């Protein structure tokens, strides 16, 4: 089955540095994104949601982006969380690129709006 690419952009009223910790660390991700997140002996992220565990390799650019490339049965799926500063107003935007088997853009938009609202509640914004 072909993978589907969903891209969403969400504005924040806080700095990229503040948000980065919440998108790049196990403790930060657990607060808004997943039930539990840990790092295994091979430095892979083990992300638990909906009762399943998903292993991913993280590629980070400090205060800019994190890309999670999933392994095992989720091979080919990825999630990139990129922080962008608006040129006109200086606002911070979280650009989400979700590549997965889910091809329902409306469902993905609702999912990410809910997750990002949780994150905004934590970072103030």
C-alpha atoms as a PDB file:
ATOM      1  CA  UNK A   1       0.000   0.000   0.000  1.00  0.00           C
ATOM      2  CA  UNK A   2       1.298   3.461  -0.903  1.00  0.00           C
ATOM      3  CA  UNK A   3       2.097   5.835   1.922  1.00  0.00           C
ATOM      4  CA  UNK A   4       0.094   9.019   2.377  1.00  0.00           C
ATOM      5  CA  UNK A   5       1.686  12.373   3.197  1.00  0.00           C
ATOM      6  CA  UNK A   6      -0.173  14.772   5.488  1.00  0.00           C
ATOM      7  CA  UNK A   7       1.237  18.243   6.143  1.00  0.00           C
ATOM      8  CA  UNK A   8      -0.189  20.618   8.729  1.00  0.00           C
ATOM      9  CA  UNK A   9       1.062  23.949  10.042  1.00  0.00           C
ATOM     10  CA  UNK A  10       0.161  25.283  13.471  1.00  0.00           C
ATOM     11  CA  UNK A  11       1.044  28.681  14.934  1.00  0.00           C
ATOM     12  CA  UNK A  12       2.463  29.236  18.415  1.00  0.00           C
ATOM     13  CA  UNK A  13       3.073  32.335  20.500  1.00  0.00           C
ATOM     14  CA  UNK A  14       6.305  31.064  21.983  1.00  0.00           C
ATOM     15  CA  UNK A  15       9.883  30.540  20.850  1.00  0.00           C
ATOM     16  CA  UNK A  16      11.154  27.505  18.919  1.00  0.00           C
ATOM     17  CA  UNK A  17      13.563  26.831  21.797  1.00  0.00           C
ATOM     18  CA  UNK A  18      10.622  26.393  24.202  1.00  0.00           C
ATOM     19  CA  UNK A  19       8.749  24.003  21.911  1.00  0.00           C
ATOM     20  CA  UNK A  20      11.800  21.985  20.851  1.00  0.00           C
ATOM     21  CA  UNK A  21      12.118  20.165  24.178  1.00  0.00           C
ATOM     22  CA  UNK A  22       8.527  18.930  23.846  1.00  0.00           C
ATOM     23  CA  UNK A  23       9.042  17.493  20.357  1.00  0.00           C
ATOM     24  CA  UNK A  24      12.492  15.985  20.827  1.00  0.00           C
ATOM     25  CA  UNK A  25      12.686  14.317  24.252  1.00  0.00           C
ATOM     26  CA  UNK A  26      10.874  11.305  25.720  1.00  0.00           C
ATOM     27  CA  UNK A  27       9.607  13.356  28.674  1.00  0.00           C
ATOM     28  CA  UNK A  28       8.384  16.141  26.422  1.00  0.00           C
ATOM     29  CA  UNK A  29       6.617  13.815  23.977  1.00  0.00           C
ATOM     30  CA  UNK A  30       4.869  11.969  26.827  1.00  0.00           C
ATOM     31  CA  UNK A  31       3.205  15.192  27.924  1.00  0.00           C
ATOM     32  CA  UNK A  32       1.223  15.698  24.724  1.00  0.00           C
ATOM     33  CA  UNK A  33       1.920  13.102  22.037  1.00  0.00           C
ATOM     34  CA  UNK A  34       2.155   9.557  23.411  1.00  0.00           C
ATOM     35  CA  UNK A  35       1.261   7.430  26.415  1.00  0.00           C
ATOM     36  CA  UNK A  36       4.880   6.527  27.050  1.00  0.00           C
ATOM     37  CA  UNK A  37       8.199   7.247  25.324  1.00  0.00           C
ATOM     38  CA  UNK A  38      11.601   5.757  26.085  1.00  0.00           C
ATOM     39  CA  UNK A  39      14.951   5.240  24.412  1.00  0.00           C
ATOM     40  CA  UNK A  40      16.231   1.669  24.037  1.00  0.00           C
ATOM     41  CA  UNK A  41      19.803   0.351  24.183  1.00  0.00           C
ATOM     42  CA  UNK A  42      20.269   1.051  20.447  1.00  0.00           C
ATOM     43  CA  UNK A  43      19.205   4.712  20.921  1.00  0.00           C
ATOM     44  CA  UNK A  44      15.871   4.143  19.159  1.00  0.00           C
ATOM     45  CA  UNK A  45      12.801   5.915  20.460  1.00  0.00           C
ATOM     46  CA  UNK A  46      10.109   3.498  21.645  1.00  0.00           C
ATOM     47  CA  UNK A  47       6.809   5.368  21.383  1.00  0.00           C
ATOM     48  CA  UNK A  48       3.650   3.876  22.849  1.00  0.00           C
ATOM     49  CA  UNK A  49       0.125   4.929  21.832  1.00  0.00           C
ATOM     50  CA  UNK A  50      -3.184   3.164  21.296  1.00  0.00           C
ATOM     51  CA  UNK A  51      -1.825   0.124  23.152  1.00  0.00           C
ATOM     52  CA  UNK A  52       1.004  -0.487  20.667  1.00  0.00           C
ATOM     53  CA  UNK A  53       4.732   0.176  20.778  1.00  0.00           C
ATOM     54  CA  UNK A  54       6.446   1.753  17.793  1.00  0.00           C
ATOM     55  CA  UNK A  55      10.221   1.985  17.342  1.00  0.00           C
ATOM     56  CA  UNK A  56      11.774   4.944  15.537  1.00  0.00           C
ATOM     57  CA  UNK A  57      15.148   6.440  14.739  1.00  0.00           C
ATOM     58  CA  UNK A  58      15.253  10.162  15.523  1.00  0.00           C
ATOM     59  CA  UNK A  59      17.218  12.692  13.491  1.00  0.00           C
ATOM     60  CA  UNK A  60      17.454  16.051  15.246  1.00  0.00           C
ATOM     61  CA  UNK A  61      18.454  19.595  14.350  1.00  0.00           C
ATOM     62  CA  UNK A  62      18.613  21.485  17.644  1.00  0.00           C
ATOM     63  CA  UNK A  63      15.783  24.019  18.045  1.00  0.00           C
ATOM     64  CA  UNK A  64      14.755  23.410  14.410  1.00  0.00           C
ATOM     65  CA  UNK A  65      13.344  19.935  13.730  1.00  0.00           C
ATOM     66  CA  UNK A  66      13.043  16.286  14.634  1.00  0.00           C
ATOM     67  CA  UNK A  67      12.306  13.469  12.211  1.00  0.00           C
ATOM     68  CA  UNK A  68      11.183  10.058  13.443  1.00  0.00           C
ATOM     69  CA  UNK A  69      11.660   7.233  10.932  1.00  0.00           C
ATOM     70  CA  UNK A  70       9.740   4.192  12.113  1.00  0.00           C
ATOM     71  CA  UNK A  71      11.117   0.666  11.992  1.00  0.00           C
ATOM     72  CA  UNK A  72       9.723  -2.872  11.971  1.00  0.00           C
ATOM     73  CA  UNK A  73       6.071  -3.231  10.970  1.00  0.00           C
ATOM     74  CA  UNK A  74       5.876   0.587  10.678  1.00  0.00           C
ATOM     75  CA  UNK A  75       8.780   0.715   8.176  1.00  0.00           C
ATOM     76  CA  UNK A  76       8.244   3.515   5.665  1.00  0.00           C
ATOM     77  CA  UNK A  77       6.221   5.630   8.090  1.00  0.00           C
ATOM     78  CA  UNK A  78       7.767   8.832   9.376  1.00  0.00           C
ATOM     79  CA  UNK A  79       6.944  11.939  11.319  1.00  0.00           C
ATOM     80  CA  UNK A  80       8.759  15.232  10.982  1.00  0.00           C
ATOM     81  CA  UNK A  81       8.137  18.059  13.424  1.00  0.00           C
ATOM     82  CA  UNK A  82       9.736  21.235  12.109  1.00  0.00           C
ATOM     83  CA  UNK A  83       9.864  24.638  13.794  1.00  0.00           C
ATOM     84  CA  UNK A  84       9.641  27.596  11.420  1.00  0.00           C
ATOM     85  CA  UNK A  85       9.770  31.298  12.246  1.00  0.00           C
ATOM     86  CA  UNK A  86       7.392  33.449  10.185  1.00  0.00           C
ATOM     87  CA  UNK A  87       9.207  36.063   8.136  1.00  0.00           C
ATOM     88  CA  UNK A  88       6.522  38.733   8.407  1.00  0.00           C
ATOM     89  CA  UNK A  89       5.406  38.489  12.016  1.00  0.00           C
ATOM     90  CA  UNK A  90       8.132  36.484  13.770  1.00  0.00           C
ATOM     91  CA  UNK A  91       5.598  33.887  14.933  1.00  0.00           C
ATOM     92  CA  UNK A  92       6.665  30.305  15.496  1.00  0.00           C
ATOM     93  CA  UNK A  93       5.010  27.590  13.417  1.00  0.00           C
ATOM     94  CA  UNK A  94       5.108  23.858  13.987  1.00  0.00           C
ATOM     95  CA  UNK A  95       5.049  22.131  10.614  1.00  0.00           C
ATOM     96  CA  UNK A  96       3.952  18.506  10.908  1.00  0.00           C
ATOM     97  CA  UNK A  97       4.705  16.062   8.089  1.00  0.00           C
ATOM     98  CA  UNK A  98       3.070  12.704   8.834  1.00  0.00           C
ATOM     99  CA  UNK A  99       3.751   9.898   6.356  1.00  0.00           C
ATOM    100  CA  UNK A 100       1.711   6.789   7.097  1.00  0.00           C
ATOM    101  CA  UNK A 101      -0.928   4.357   5.860  1.00  0.00           C
ATOM    102  CA  UNK A 102      -3.755   6.667   6.988  1.00  0.00           C
ATOM    103  CA  UNK A 103      -5.045   8.539   3.916  1.00  0.00           C
ATOM    104  CA  UNK A 104      -7.944  10.364   5.608  1.00  0.00           C
ATOM    105  CA  UNK A 105      -6.817  14.008   5.642  1.00  0.00           C
ATOM    106  CA  UNK A 106      -9.831  15.133   7.669  1.00  0.00           C
ATOM    107  CA  UNK A 107      -9.123  12.549  10.377  1.00  0.00           C
ATOM    108  CA  UNK A 108      -5.423  13.465  10.410  1.00  0.00           C
ATOM    109  CA  UNK A 109      -6.227  17.185  10.618  1.00  0.00           C
ATOM    110  CA  UNK A 110      -8.515  16.545  13.613  1.00  0.00           C
ATOM    111  CA  UNK A 111      -5.899  14.307  15.257  1.00  0.00           C
ATOM    112  CA  UNK A 112      -3.095  16.842  14.884  1.00  0.00           C
ATOM    113  CA  UNK A 113      -5.269  19.800  15.918  1.00  0.00           C
ATOM    114  CA  UNK A 114      -6.100  17.941  19.133  1.00  0.00           C
ATOM    115  CA  UNK A 115      -2.484  16.989  19.814  1.00  0.00           C
ATOM    116  CA  UNK A 116      -1.215  20.498  19.066  1.00  0.00           C
ATOM    117  CA  UNK A 117      -3.917  22.012  21.299  1.00  0.00           C
ATOM    118  CA  UNK A 118      -2.570  19.817  24.114  1.00  0.00           C
ATOM    119  CA  UNK A 119       0.957  21.065  23.375  1.00  0.00           C
ATOM    120  CA  UNK A 120      -0.227  24.691  23.302  1.00  0.00           C
ATOM    121  CA  UNK A 121      -1.826  24.166  26.717  1.00  0.00           C
ATOM    122  CA  UNK A 122       1.577  23.159  28.075  1.00  0.00           C
ATOM    123  CA  UNK A 123       3.793  25.788  26.426  1.00  0.00           C
ATOM    124  CA  UNK A 124       1.263  28.610  26.686  1.00  0.00           C
ATOM    125  CA  UNK A 125       0.506  29.027  23.216  1.00  0.00           C
END
